[in-house]
Amino acid sequence: MTTAAVQSFLARCVVDPPFLELARNDLQRALSGLDLTGRERQEFLSLDLNRVRTFAGFVTKVQNNTLWQMFPYTRLLVDHYGLDLKLFSAYQAQHQCDRANQVDRIERTRHFAAFFPGWLASIGVTHYPGLLDLFQHEHLQFEQQVAPQAAVSDQGRPVDLALLDRDTRTVDRLVPQIRGLLLIESFRHDPARIIQALETDRQALADLPALPRLLAYWGDRDSLQLRIFEVDVYLRDLLGLVDGRHTLGQLLPAGDPLRAALRTGLCRMAEAGVLTFHEGG
């Protein structure tokens, strides 16, 4: 077959994912629009379309090198598990759609972040321990990095944090508010331990222990640093209710058996700068 015919066919497979899928499922139909001799058509029919798909995945991988800047450790673990070409072969359609629509870097990264968990589930997330955890860890860091810096409320007067240890009517009128963006995620494996294994002992990845953790990611506007806190499910649920309108009395009603412990958790978040308080009505 001619070089021009091969190049034309391969180029279309790379930039036109539906055409590639058509070729894999019905090559005769895919070839119907090409000007080929009988011999060339027979030679095309002998092509290994899985190899062509892998080639398209390789091109997609190369064109997404900048994407990995946001997920450096995820990239190492994807490579460790030998999934890079399989990943980008599956991602080809979204990639070509983004290129056609001239999507910017942040939205491309978010499209990849939306794609990755579902793709991993489709190939069996349990076969690749730690990969979803590490991806979630780096995705949350990315979202904190690109999050707009929301204005911090200055309502009311500063509150002495020592008040939070007192069960008084005044304390119950305090309204907590989260400064900026707080993201909380649960993990089956500890991301820090996975990163350590990637850097120092990759054999440890073969027997990665399940160490469930619940981590809160918060961008400190003062130091411009990402801070990560471990929380429990009760504090996570309470923080999810903090909206700058409800008072502590409404969030932690008298008689709540967790009131004291949760108040301590809120105090810890306030000391870290995650929460501010103002007096409600």
C-alpha atoms as a PDB file:
ATOM      1  CA  MET A   1       0.000   0.000   0.000  1.00  0.00           C
ATOM      2  CA  THR A   2       1.187   3.550  -0.642  1.00  0.00           C
ATOM      3  CA  THR A   3       2.787   5.662   2.049  1.00  0.00           C
ATOM      4  CA  ALA A   4       0.255   8.427   1.431  1.00  0.00           C
ATOM      5  CA  ALA A   5      -2.674   6.060   1.997  1.00  0.00           C
ATOM      6  CA  VAL A   6      -1.194   4.757   5.251  1.00  0.00           C
ATOM      7  CA  GLN A   7      -0.406   8.237   6.516  1.00  0.00           C
ATOM      8  CA  SER A   8      -3.887   9.474   5.675  1.00  0.00           C
ATOM      9  CA  PHE A   9      -5.518   6.537   7.427  1.00  0.00           C
ATOM     10  CA  LEU A  10      -3.356   6.772  10.558  1.00  0.00           C
ATOM     11  CA  ALA A  11      -3.755  10.548  10.763  1.00  0.00           C
ATOM     12  CA  ARG A  12      -7.520  10.235  10.703  1.00  0.00           C
ATOM     13  CA  CYS A  13      -7.400   7.501  13.371  1.00  0.00           C
ATOM     14  CA  VAL A  14      -5.438   9.878  15.617  1.00  0.00           C
ATOM     15  CA  VAL A  15      -7.643  12.959  15.219  1.00  0.00           C
ATOM     16  CA  ASP A  16     -11.017  11.274  14.684  1.00  0.00           C
ATOM     17  CA  PRO A  17     -11.777   8.818  17.539  1.00  0.00           C
ATOM     18  CA  PRO A  18     -15.215   7.797  16.124  1.00  0.00           C
ATOM     19  CA  PHE A  19     -13.498   6.849  12.861  1.00  0.00           C
ATOM     20  CA  LEU A  20     -10.954   4.761  14.781  1.00  0.00           C
ATOM     21  CA  GLU A  21     -13.746   2.935  16.608  1.00  0.00           C
ATOM     22  CA  LEU A  22     -15.543   2.365  13.306  1.00  0.00           C
ATOM     23  CA  ALA A  23     -12.336   0.925  11.839  1.00  0.00           C
ATOM     24  CA  ARG A  24     -11.913  -1.399  14.824  1.00  0.00           C
ATOM     25  CA  ASN A  25     -15.514  -2.623  14.562  1.00  0.00           C
ATOM     26  CA  ASP A  26     -16.135  -2.512  10.796  1.00  0.00           C
ATOM     27  CA  LEU A  27     -12.943  -1.915   8.827  1.00  0.00           C
ATOM     28  CA  GLN A  28     -14.588  -2.556   5.466  1.00  0.00           C
ATOM     29  CA  ARG A  29     -17.010   0.311   6.077  1.00  0.00           C
ATOM     30  CA  ALA A  30     -14.236   2.607   7.329  1.00  0.00           C
ATOM     31  CA  LEU A  31     -12.225   1.976   4.167  1.00  0.00           C
ATOM     32  CA  SER A  32     -15.174   2.613   1.853  1.00  0.00           C
ATOM     33  CA  GLY A  33     -14.353   6.305   1.527  1.00  0.00           C
ATOM     34  CA  LEU A  34     -10.703   5.787   0.659  1.00  0.00           C
ATOM     35  CA  ASP A  35      -9.351   5.580  -2.915  1.00  0.00           C
ATOM     36  CA  LEU A  36      -7.610   2.209  -2.708  1.00  0.00           C
ATOM     37  CA  THR A  37      -6.681  -0.505  -5.150  1.00  0.00           C
ATOM     38  CA  GLY A  38      -7.943  -4.000  -4.443  1.00  0.00           C
ATOM     39  CA  ARG A  39      -4.513  -5.043  -3.222  1.00  0.00           C
ATOM     40  CA  GLU A  40      -4.210  -2.019  -0.943  1.00  0.00           C
ATOM     41  CA  ARG A  41      -7.635  -2.719   0.512  1.00  0.00           C
ATOM     42  CA  GLN A  42      -6.624  -6.295   1.324  1.00  0.00           C
ATOM     43  CA  GLU A  43      -3.434  -5.068   2.982  1.00  0.00           C
ATOM     44  CA  PHE A  44      -5.411  -2.600   5.063  1.00  0.00           C
ATOM     45  CA  LEU A  45      -7.733  -5.389   6.172  1.00  0.00           C
ATOM     46  CA  SER A  46      -4.726  -7.182   7.668  1.00  0.00           C
ATOM     47  CA  LEU A  47      -3.857  -4.210   9.906  1.00  0.00           C
ATOM     48  CA  ASP A  48      -3.820  -4.776  13.666  1.00  0.00           C
ATOM     49  CA  LEU A  49      -6.284  -2.079  14.728  1.00  0.00           C
ATOM     50  CA  ASN A  50      -5.431  -2.545  18.401  1.00  0.00           C
ATOM     51  CA  ARG A  51      -1.896  -1.430  17.576  1.00  0.00           C
ATOM     52  CA  VAL A  52      -3.312   1.547  15.717  1.00  0.00           C
ATOM     53  CA  ARG A  53      -5.368   2.445  18.771  1.00  0.00           C
ATOM     54  CA  THR A  54      -2.261   2.146  20.931  1.00  0.00           C
ATOM     55  CA  PHE A  55      -0.441   4.457  18.528  1.00  0.00           C
ATOM     56  CA  ALA A  56      -3.276   6.988  18.811  1.00  0.00           C
ATOM     57  CA  GLY A  57      -3.008   6.673  22.597  1.00  0.00           C
ATOM     58  CA  PHE A  58       0.718   7.374  22.419  1.00  0.00           C
ATOM     59  CA  VAL A  59       0.119  10.543  20.393  1.00  0.00           C
ATOM     60  CA  THR A  60      -2.550  11.604  22.901  1.00  0.00           C
ATOM     61  CA  LYS A  61      -0.115  10.971  25.757  1.00  0.00           C
ATOM     62  CA  VAL A  62       2.587  13.123  24.155  1.00  0.00           C
ATOM     63  CA  GLN A  63       0.128  15.931  23.480  1.00  0.00           C
ATOM     64  CA  ASN A  64      -0.905  15.881  27.159  1.00  0.00           C
ATOM     65  CA  ASN A  65       2.560  16.115  28.706  1.00  0.00           C
ATOM     66  CA  THR A  66       1.682  19.443  30.345  1.00  0.00           C
ATOM     67  CA  LEU A  67      -1.300  17.802  32.039  1.00  0.00           C
ATOM     68  CA  TRP A  68       1.030  15.753  34.213  1.00  0.00           C
ATOM     69  CA  GLN A  69       2.442  18.917  35.764  1.00  0.00           C
ATOM     70  CA  MET A  70      -0.667  18.887  37.938  1.00  0.00           C
ATOM     71  CA  PHE A  71      -0.408  15.165  38.746  1.00  0.00           C
ATOM     72  CA  PRO A  72       3.308  14.272  38.975  1.00  0.00           C
ATOM     73  CA  TYR A  73       2.949  11.384  41.432  1.00  0.00           C
ATOM     74  CA  THR A  74      -0.155  10.050  39.719  1.00  0.00           C
ATOM     75  CA  ARG A  75       1.945   9.907  36.556  1.00  0.00           C
ATOM     76  CA  LEU A  76       4.639   7.895  38.322  1.00  0.00           C
ATOM     77  CA  LEU A  77       2.086   5.420  39.654  1.00  0.00           C
ATOM     78  CA  VAL A  78       0.307   5.142  36.285  1.00  0.00           C
ATOM     79  CA  ASP A  79       3.680   4.343  34.695  1.00  0.00           C
ATOM     80  CA  HIS A  80       4.518   1.917  37.523  1.00  0.00           C
ATOM     81  CA  TYR A  81       1.337  -0.030  36.789  1.00  0.00           C
ATOM     82  CA  GLY A  82       1.962   0.122  33.022  1.00  0.00           C
ATOM     83  CA  LEU A  83      -1.303   1.936  32.334  1.00  0.00           C
ATOM     84  CA  ASP A  84      -0.120   5.013  30.442  1.00  0.00           C
ATOM     85  CA  LEU A  85      -1.032   3.922  26.908  1.00  0.00           C
ATOM     86  CA  LYS A  86      -4.251   2.268  28.030  1.00  0.00           C
ATOM     87  CA  LEU A  87      -5.239   5.482  29.822  1.00  0.00           C
ATOM     88  CA  PHE A  88      -4.569   7.805  26.910  1.00  0.00           C
ATOM     89  CA  SER A  89      -6.075   5.464  24.345  1.00  0.00           C
ATOM     90  CA  ALA A  90      -9.308   5.725  26.329  1.00  0.00           C
ATOM     91  CA  TYR A  91      -8.884   9.495  26.789  1.00  0.00           C
ATOM     92  CA  GLN A  92      -8.380  10.214  23.079  1.00  0.00           C
ATOM     93  CA  ALA A  93     -11.983  11.275  22.385  1.00  0.00           C
ATOM     94  CA  GLN A  94     -12.093  13.854  25.192  1.00  0.00           C
ATOM     95  CA  HIS A  95      -8.654  15.131  24.232  1.00  0.00           C
ATOM     96  CA  GLN A  96      -9.614  15.692  20.608  1.00  0.00           C
ATOM     97  CA  CYS A  97     -12.843  17.387  21.677  1.00  0.00           C
ATOM     98  CA  ASP A  98     -10.864  19.774  23.894  1.00  0.00           C
ATOM     99  CA  ARG A  99      -8.436  20.533  21.071  1.00  0.00           C
ATOM    100  CA  ALA A 100     -11.259  21.251  18.653  1.00  0.00           C
ATOM    101  CA  ASN A 101     -12.902  23.615  21.137  1.00  0.00           C
ATOM    102  CA  GLN A 102      -9.603  25.262  22.189  1.00  0.00           C
ATOM    103  CA  VAL A 103     -10.290  24.542  25.854  1.00  0.00           C
ATOM    104  CA  ASP A 104      -7.874  26.270  28.242  1.00  0.00           C
ATOM    105  CA  ARG A 105      -5.455  24.457  30.549  1.00  0.00           C
ATOM    106  CA  ILE A 106      -7.613  24.622  33.667  1.00  0.00           C
ATOM    107  CA  GLU A 107     -10.703  23.238  31.950  1.00  0.00           C
ATOM    108  CA  ARG A 108      -8.630  20.538  30.208  1.00  0.00           C
ATOM    109  CA  THR A 109      -7.308  19.494  33.591  1.00  0.00           C
ATOM    110  CA  ARG A 110     -10.813  19.409  35.028  1.00  0.00           C
ATOM    111  CA  HIS A 111     -12.034  17.308  32.104  1.00  0.00           C
ATOM    112  CA  PHE A 112      -9.227  14.846  32.765  1.00  0.00           C
ATOM    113  CA  ALA A 113     -10.068  14.869  36.488  1.00  0.00           C
ATOM    114  CA  ALA A 114     -13.703  14.061  35.683  1.00  0.00           C
ATOM    115  CA  PHE A 115     -12.648  11.257  33.322  1.00  0.00           C
ATOM    116  CA  PHE A 116     -10.008   9.506  35.415  1.00  0.00           C
ATOM    117  CA  PRO A 117     -12.062   7.974  38.288  1.00  0.00           C
ATOM    118  CA  GLY A 118     -14.638   6.468  35.931  1.00  0.00           C
ATOM    119  CA  TRP A 119     -11.940   5.072  33.656  1.00  0.00           C
ATOM    120  CA  LEU A 120     -10.125   3.564  36.630  1.00  0.00           C
ATOM    121  CA  ALA A 121     -13.351   1.990  37.878  1.00  0.00           C
ATOM    122  CA  SER A 122     -13.910   0.481  34.435  1.00  0.00           C
ATOM    123  CA  ILE A 123     -10.595  -1.388  34.525  1.00  0.00           C
ATOM    124  CA  GLY A 124     -10.863  -2.382  38.197  1.00  0.00           C
ATOM    125  CA  VAL A 125      -9.682   0.152  40.751  1.00  0.00           C
ATOM    126  CA  THR A 126      -8.801  -2.569  43.286  1.00  0.00           C
ATOM    127  CA  HIS A 127      -6.215  -4.001  40.878  1.00  0.00           C
ATOM    128  CA  TYR A 128      -4.142  -0.822  41.221  1.00  0.00           C
ATOM    129  CA  PRO A 129      -3.871  -0.014  44.938  1.00  0.00           C
ATOM    130  CA  GLY A 130      -3.385   3.624  45.827  1.00  0.00           C
ATOM    131  CA  LEU A 131      -3.900   5.016  42.328  1.00  0.00           C
ATOM    132  CA  LEU A 132      -7.304   6.579  42.972  1.00  0.00           C
ATOM    133  CA  ASP A 133      -6.144   7.918  46.348  1.00  0.00           C
ATOM    134  CA  LEU A 134      -3.074   9.562  44.871  1.00  0.00           C
ATOM    135  CA  PHE A 135      -5.062  11.042  42.012  1.00  0.00           C
ATOM    136  CA  GLN A 136      -7.664  12.489  44.410  1.00  0.00           C
ATOM    137  CA  HIS A 137      -4.893  13.933  46.573  1.00  0.00           C
ATOM    138  CA  GLU A 138      -3.297  15.760  43.639  1.00  0.00           C
ATOM    139  CA  HIS A 139      -6.640  16.783  42.172  1.00  0.00           C
ATOM    140  CA  LEU A 140      -7.621  18.518  45.427  1.00  0.00           C
ATOM    141  CA  GLN A 141      -4.275  20.314  45.474  1.00  0.00           C
ATOM    142  CA  PHE A 142      -4.909  21.481  41.904  1.00  0.00           C
ATOM    143  CA  GLU A 143      -8.385  22.784  42.773  1.00  0.00           C
ATOM    144  CA  GLN A 144      -6.956  24.733  45.711  1.00  0.00           C
ATOM    145  CA  GLN A 145      -4.233  26.149  43.477  1.00  0.00           C
ATOM    146  CA  VAL A 146      -6.645  27.512  40.875  1.00  0.00           C
ATOM    147  CA  ALA A 147      -9.474  28.509  43.241  1.00  0.00           C
ATOM    148  CA  PRO A 148     -10.320  32.215  43.232  1.00  0.00           C
ATOM    149  CA  GLN A 149      -9.421  33.960  46.460  1.00  0.00           C
ATOM    150  CA  ALA A 150     -12.818  34.786  47.964  1.00  0.00           C
ATOM    151  CA  ALA A 151     -13.039  37.806  50.202  1.00  0.00           C
ATOM    152  CA  VAL A 152     -12.918  37.055  53.916  1.00  0.00           C
ATOM    153  CA  SER A 153     -15.860  38.341  55.885  1.00  0.00           C
ATOM    154  CA  ASP A 154     -15.107  41.046  58.449  1.00  0.00           C
ATOM    155  CA  GLN A 155     -18.539  41.068  60.056  1.00  0.00           C
ATOM    156  CA  GLY A 156     -18.723  41.736  63.792  1.00  0.00           C
ATOM    157  CA  ARG A 157     -15.819  42.049  66.176  1.00  0.00           C
ATOM    158  CA  PRO A 158     -12.929  39.569  66.668  1.00  0.00           C
ATOM    159  CA  VAL A 159     -13.848  36.647  68.894  1.00  0.00           C
ATOM    160  CA  ASP A 160     -11.652  35.309  71.678  1.00  0.00           C
ATOM    161  CA  LEU A 161     -11.226  31.605  70.854  1.00  0.00           C
ATOM    162  CA  ALA A 162     -11.206  30.805  74.563  1.00  0.00           C
ATOM    163  CA  LEU A 163     -14.927  31.531  74.497  1.00  0.00           C
ATOM    164  CA  LEU A 164     -15.465  28.351  72.524  1.00  0.00           C
ATOM    165  CA  ASP A 165     -14.636  26.333  75.625  1.00  0.00           C
ATOM    166  CA  ARG A 166     -17.530  27.925  77.512  1.00  0.00           C
ATOM    167  CA  ASP A 167     -21.114  26.799  77.242  1.00  0.00           C
ATOM    168  CA  THR A 168     -22.799  30.204  77.325  1.00  0.00           C
ATOM    169  CA  ARG A 169     -25.625  31.916  75.513  1.00  0.00           C
ATOM    170  CA  THR A 170     -23.080  34.318  73.994  1.00  0.00           C
ATOM    171  CA  VAL A 171     -21.150  31.458  72.440  1.00  0.00           C
ATOM    172  CA  ASP A 172     -24.309  29.981  70.959  1.00  0.00           C
ATOM    173  CA  ARG A 173     -24.899  33.269  69.093  1.00  0.00           C
ATOM    174  CA  LEU A 174     -21.507  33.070  67.329  1.00  0.00           C
ATOM    175  CA  VAL A 175     -21.690  32.381  63.594  1.00  0.00           C
ATOM    176  CA  PRO A 176     -18.776  30.391  62.091  1.00  0.00           C
ATOM    177  CA  GLN A 177     -17.661  31.011  58.536  1.00  0.00           C
ATOM    178  CA  ILE A 178     -15.102  29.179  56.403  1.00  0.00           C
ATOM    179  CA  ARG A 179     -12.337  31.349  54.954  1.00  0.00           C
ATOM    180  CA  GLY A 180     -11.855  30.500  51.309  1.00  0.00           C
ATOM    181  CA  LEU A 181     -12.210  26.978  49.932  1.00  0.00           C
ATOM    182  CA  LEU A 182     -12.207  23.873  52.148  1.00  0.00           C
ATOM    183  CA  LEU A 183     -12.293  20.475  50.417  1.00  0.00           C
ATOM    184  CA  ILE A 184     -12.653  17.191  52.301  1.00  0.00           C
ATOM    185  CA  GLU A 185     -12.043  13.733  50.837  1.00  0.00           C
ATOM    186  CA  SER A 186     -11.913  10.179  52.174  1.00  0.00           C
ATOM    187  CA  PHE A 187      -9.031   7.872  51.266  1.00  0.00           C
ATOM    188  CA  ARG A 188      -8.585   4.121  51.453  1.00  0.00           C
ATOM    189  CA  HIS A 189      -4.795   4.451  51.377  1.00  0.00           C
ATOM    190  CA  ASP A 190      -2.671   7.213  52.873  1.00  0.00           C
ATOM    191  CA  PRO A 191      -1.444   9.456  50.010  1.00  0.00           C
ATOM    192  CA  ALA A 192       1.685  10.442  51.943  1.00  0.00           C
ATOM    193  CA  ARG A 193       2.678   6.793  52.328  1.00  0.00           C
ATOM    194  CA  ILE A 194       2.139   6.136  48.613  1.00  0.00           C
ATOM    195  CA  ILE A 195       4.355   9.091  47.698  1.00  0.00           C
ATOM    196  CA  GLN A 196       7.036   7.854  50.084  1.00  0.00           C
ATOM    197  CA  ALA A 197       6.933   4.411  48.464  1.00  0.00           C
ATOM    198  CA  LEU A 198       7.247   5.935  44.985  1.00  0.00           C
ATOM    199  CA  GLU A 199      10.279   7.916  46.064  1.00  0.00           C
ATOM    200  CA  THR A 200      12.098   5.355  48.188  1.00  0.00           C
ATOM    201  CA  ASP A 201      10.780   1.791  47.891  1.00  0.00           C
ATOM    202  CA  ARG A 202       8.443   0.898  45.038  1.00  0.00           C
ATOM    203  CA  GLN A 203       8.355  -2.725  46.123  1.00  0.00           C
ATOM    204  CA  ALA A 204       6.205  -1.550  49.037  1.00  0.00           C
ATOM    205  CA  LEU A 205       3.469  -0.698  46.525  1.00  0.00           C
ATOM    206  CA  ALA A 206       2.857  -4.416  46.017  1.00  0.00           C
ATOM    207  CA  ASP A 207       1.601  -4.740  49.595  1.00  0.00           C
ATOM    208  CA  LEU A 208       0.115  -1.322  50.276  1.00  0.00           C
ATOM    209  CA  PRO A 209      -1.811  -1.418  53.570  1.00  0.00           C
ATOM    210  CA  ALA A 210      -5.303   0.033  53.754  1.00  0.00           C
ATOM    211  CA  LEU A 211      -5.099   3.043  56.076  1.00  0.00           C
ATOM    212  CA  PRO A 212      -8.399   4.918  55.735  1.00  0.00           C
ATOM    213  CA  ARG A 213      -8.090   8.653  56.297  1.00  0.00           C
ATOM    214  CA  LEU A 214     -10.394  11.639  56.035  1.00  0.00           C
ATOM    215  CA  LEU A 215      -8.424  14.722  54.995  1.00  0.00           C
ATOM    216  CA  ALA A 216      -9.373  18.382  54.695  1.00  0.00           C
ATOM    217  CA  TYR A 217      -7.500  20.556  52.165  1.00  0.00           C
ATOM    218  CA  TRP A 218      -7.421  24.291  52.776  1.00  0.00           C
ATOM    219  CA  GLY A 219      -5.501  27.086  51.059  1.00  0.00           C
ATOM    220  CA  ASP A 220      -4.034  29.438  53.685  1.00  0.00           C
ATOM    221  CA  ARG A 221      -4.508  32.915  52.203  1.00  0.00           C
ATOM    222  CA  ASP A 222      -1.988  34.456  54.587  1.00  0.00           C
ATOM    223  CA  SER A 223       0.972  32.155  53.934  1.00  0.00           C
ATOM    224  CA  LEU A 224      -0.175  31.121  50.417  1.00  0.00           C
ATOM    225  CA  GLN A 225       0.401  27.519  51.457  1.00  0.00           C
ATOM    226  CA  LEU A 226      -1.811  24.460  51.171  1.00  0.00           C
ATOM    227  CA  ARG A 227      -2.610  22.991  54.572  1.00  0.00           C
ATOM    228  CA  ILE A 228      -3.975  19.504  55.125  1.00  0.00           C
ATOM    229  CA  PHE A 229      -5.816  18.453  58.283  1.00  0.00           C
ATOM    230  CA  GLU A 230      -7.150  15.099  59.384  1.00  0.00           C
ATOM    231  CA  VAL A 231     -10.774  15.237  60.515  1.00  0.00           C
ATOM    232  CA  ASP A 232     -13.386  12.715  61.601  1.00  0.00           C
ATOM    233  CA  VAL A 233     -16.745  12.103  59.968  1.00  0.00           C
ATOM    234  CA  TYR A 234     -18.590  14.162  62.591  1.00  0.00           C
ATOM    235  CA  LEU A 235     -16.460  17.249  62.084  1.00  0.00           C
ATOM    236  CA  ARG A 236     -16.660  16.781  58.294  1.00  0.00           C
ATOM    237  CA  ASP A 237     -20.459  16.721  58.442  1.00  0.00           C
ATOM    238  CA  LEU A 238     -20.539  19.758  60.709  1.00  0.00           C
ATOM    239  CA  LEU A 239     -18.177  21.758  58.495  1.00  0.00           C
ATOM    240  CA  GLY A 240     -20.465  20.933  55.585  1.00  0.00           C
ATOM    241  CA  LEU A 241     -23.225  22.843  57.387  1.00  0.00           C
ATOM    242  CA  VAL A 242     -21.130  25.933  58.101  1.00  0.00           C
ATOM    243  CA  ASP A 243     -22.483  28.607  55.751  1.00  0.00           C
ATOM    244  CA  GLY A 244     -21.851  31.936  57.520  1.00  0.00           C
ATOM    245  CA  ARG A 245     -25.511  32.203  58.527  1.00  0.00           C
ATOM    246  CA  HIS A 246     -26.221  29.534  61.133  1.00  0.00           C
ATOM    247  CA  THR A 247     -25.089  30.084  64.724  1.00  0.00           C
ATOM    248  CA  LEU A 248     -23.200  27.608  66.876  1.00  0.00           C
ATOM    249  CA  GLY A 249     -26.397  27.158  68.862  1.00  0.00           C
ATOM    250  CA  GLN A 250     -28.180  26.052  65.700  1.00  0.00           C
ATOM    251  CA  LEU A 251     -25.338  23.858  64.502  1.00  0.00           C
ATOM    252  CA  LEU A 252     -24.642  22.326  67.930  1.00  0.00           C
ATOM    253  CA  PRO A 253     -27.913  22.308  69.857  1.00  0.00           C
ATOM    254  CA  ALA A 254     -27.908  21.733  73.608  1.00  0.00           C
ATOM    255  CA  GLY A 255     -28.148  18.070  74.414  1.00  0.00           C
ATOM    256  CA  ASP A 256     -26.102  16.961  71.409  1.00  0.00           C
ATOM    257  CA  PRO A 257     -23.781  14.257  72.851  1.00  0.00           C
ATOM    258  CA  LEU A 258     -21.015  15.362  70.440  1.00  0.00           C
ATOM    259  CA  ARG A 259     -21.341  19.054  71.286  1.00  0.00           C
ATOM    260  CA  ALA A 260     -18.159  19.342  73.364  1.00  0.00           C
ATOM    261  CA  ALA A 261     -16.001  17.289  70.999  1.00  0.00           C
ATOM    262  CA  LEU A 262     -17.230  19.133  67.910  1.00  0.00           C
ATOM    263  CA  ARG A 263     -16.718  22.494  69.562  1.00  0.00           C
ATOM    264  CA  THR A 264     -13.112  21.466  70.214  1.00  0.00           C
ATOM    265  CA  GLY A 265     -12.787  20.541  66.533  1.00  0.00           C
ATOM    266  CA  LEU A 266     -14.165  23.915  65.465  1.00  0.00           C
ATOM    267  CA  CYS A 267     -11.742  25.626  67.827  1.00  0.00           C
ATOM    268  CA  ARG A 268      -8.863  23.743  66.194  1.00  0.00           C
ATOM    269  CA  MET A 269     -10.045  24.873  62.757  1.00  0.00           C
ATOM    270  CA  ALA A 270     -10.331  28.460  64.029  1.00  0.00           C
ATOM    271  CA  GLU A 271      -6.828  28.417  65.494  1.00  0.00           C
ATOM    272  CA  ALA A 272      -5.526  27.249  62.118  1.00  0.00           C
ATOM    273  CA  GLY A 273      -7.302  30.137  60.412  1.00  0.00           C
ATOM    274  CA  VAL A 274      -9.851  28.004  58.551  1.00  0.00           C
ATOM    275  CA  LEU A 275     -12.798  29.513  60.431  1.00  0.00           C
ATOM    276  CA  THR A 276     -13.713  32.989  61.546  1.00  0.00           C
ATOM    277  CA  PHE A 277     -16.613  33.929  63.815  1.00  0.00           C
ATOM    278  CA  HIS A 278     -18.939  36.867  64.073  1.00  0.00           C
ATOM    279  CA  GLU A 279     -21.851  37.490  66.384  1.00  0.00           C
ATOM    280  CA  GLY A 280     -25.253  36.594  65.032  1.00  0.00           C
ATOM    281  CA  GLY A 281     -28.537  38.264  65.745  1.00  0.00           C
END
